[in-house]
Structure formats: C-alpha cells, structure tokens
C-alpha cells in the first residue's frame, strides 16, 4: 500500500482516497491487504466491506479488553491468546 501511495508523492490522503478517482494501483494494494488480513483471521471472505470492518473492530475490542484484564483471554490451538 505504501508503494502504491508513493507513486503519487504530491497527493494528499484526501486526493488518494477520493472514491471517484482512486488510482487502480492503490485499489489493488488495498485488495491484497484485505485478502492478507482475511487469511490471517481464517476468513475466506466477507459479504461486504462493512462486514469486514465490523469483524475487525470486534476483534480489536476483544484484544484491547484483554490487555486491560490479561486473565480473561482464551487460548487458541497454538497456545497463544487469541
């Protein structure tokens, strides 16, 4: 994603993420990132971008709540707290 942004050094974030003119390179970079994040969480796909955002925010909330109370985490197959 950073490489795609670097192709447009004079563009602001507002310019880069204008939904009417977002560069194909940046769109593809975000799609690759989405697939990587989905795979990291064991998700094949989401019905919508909104579903992906809800899922990620729920995971973030669970992780940050555990950091406040480390005894409440559950352990996955690897023994790590998930």
Protein backbone atom coordinates (compact mmCIF):
# COMPACT_ATOMS: atom_id res chain seq x y z
CA UNK A 1 0.00 0.00 0.00
CA UNK A 2 2.84 2.36 0.85
CA UNK A 3 4.44 1.66 -2.52
CA UNK A 4 1.15 2.48 -4.26
CA UNK A 5 0.85 5.74 -2.30
CA UNK A 6 4.45 6.60 -3.12
CA UNK A 7 3.55 6.68 -6.82
CA UNK A 8 1.72 9.93 -6.08
CA UNK A 9 4.12 11.90 -3.84
CA UNK A 10 2.29 15.21 -4.17
CA UNK A 11 -1.17 13.80 -3.42
CA UNK A 12 -2.84 14.24 -0.06
CA UNK A 13 -4.69 11.37 1.61
CA UNK A 14 -7.91 13.09 0.54
CA UNK A 15 -6.66 13.04 -3.06
CA UNK A 16 -5.54 9.41 -2.86
CA UNK A 17 -8.78 8.16 -1.33
CA UNK A 18 -11.26 10.14 -3.41
CA UNK A 19 -13.77 7.41 -4.30
CA UNK A 20 -14.26 8.88 -7.78
CA UNK A 21 -10.58 8.99 -8.70
CA UNK A 22 -8.72 6.46 -6.54
CA UNK A 23 -5.82 5.01 -8.53
CA UNK A 24 -6.09 1.39 -9.69
CA UNK A 25 -2.70 0.71 -8.05
CA UNK A 26 -3.99 1.80 -4.66
CA UNK A 27 -7.25 -0.13 -5.08
CA UNK A 28 -5.28 -3.30 -5.88
CA UNK A 29 -2.94 -2.72 -2.93
CA UNK A 30 -5.92 -2.46 -0.58
CA UNK A 31 -7.48 -5.58 -2.07
CA UNK A 32 -4.23 -7.52 -1.46
CA UNK A 33 -4.10 -6.21 2.09
CA UNK A 34 -7.73 -7.22 2.67
CA UNK A 35 -7.01 -10.76 1.44
CA UNK A 36 -3.94 -10.99 3.68
CA UNK A 37 -5.84 -9.80 6.76
CA UNK A 38 -8.76 -12.11 5.97
CA UNK A 39 -6.39 -15.08 5.71
CA UNK A 40 -4.66 -14.12 8.96
CA UNK A 41 -8.01 -14.34 10.75
CA UNK A 42 -9.05 -17.51 8.95
CA UNK A 43 -11.82 -15.82 6.99
CA UNK A 44 -12.42 -16.79 3.38
CA UNK A 45 -14.46 -13.72 2.52
CA UNK A 46 -16.95 -11.20 3.79
CA UNK A 47 -20.33 -10.33 2.31
CA UNK A 48 -19.39 -6.65 2.30
CA UNK A 49 -16.74 -4.19 3.34
CA UNK A 50 -18.99 -3.21 6.24
CA UNK A 51 -19.00 -6.82 7.48
CA UNK A 52 -15.17 -6.86 7.34
CA UNK A 53 -14.97 -3.61 9.33
CA UNK A 54 -17.39 -4.90 11.99
CA UNK A 55 -15.41 -8.13 12.32
CA UNK A 56 -12.07 -6.32 12.67
CA UNK A 57 -13.41 -3.82 15.20
CA UNK A 58 -14.90 -6.65 17.26
CA UNK A 59 -11.50 -8.42 17.25
CA UNK A 60 -9.77 -5.16 18.19
CA UNK A 61 -12.22 -4.61 21.05
CA UNK A 62 -11.68 -8.15 22.34
CA UNK A 63 -7.91 -7.74 22.23
CA UNK A 64 -7.88 -4.35 23.92
CA UNK A 65 -10.29 -5.53 26.60
CA UNK A 66 -7.96 -8.46 27.36
CA UNK A 67 -4.98 -6.13 27.65
CA UNK A 68 -6.84 -4.39 30.48
CA UNK A 69 -7.59 -7.77 32.08
CA UNK A 70 -4.98 -10.30 30.84
CA UNK A 71 -6.51 -13.19 32.80
CA UNK A 72 -9.63 -13.13 30.58
CA UNK A 73 -8.01 -14.26 27.30
CA UNK A 74 -8.80 -17.59 25.70
CA UNK A 75 -6.10 -19.75 24.17
CA UNK A 76 -6.21 -21.00 20.61
CA UNK A 77 -4.65 -24.15 19.12
CA UNK A 78 -1.16 -22.66 19.30
CA UNK A 79 -1.49 -21.82 22.98
CA UNK A 80 -1.39 -18.12 22.22
CA UNK A 81 -4.10 -15.87 23.49
CA UNK A 82 -6.46 -15.07 20.61
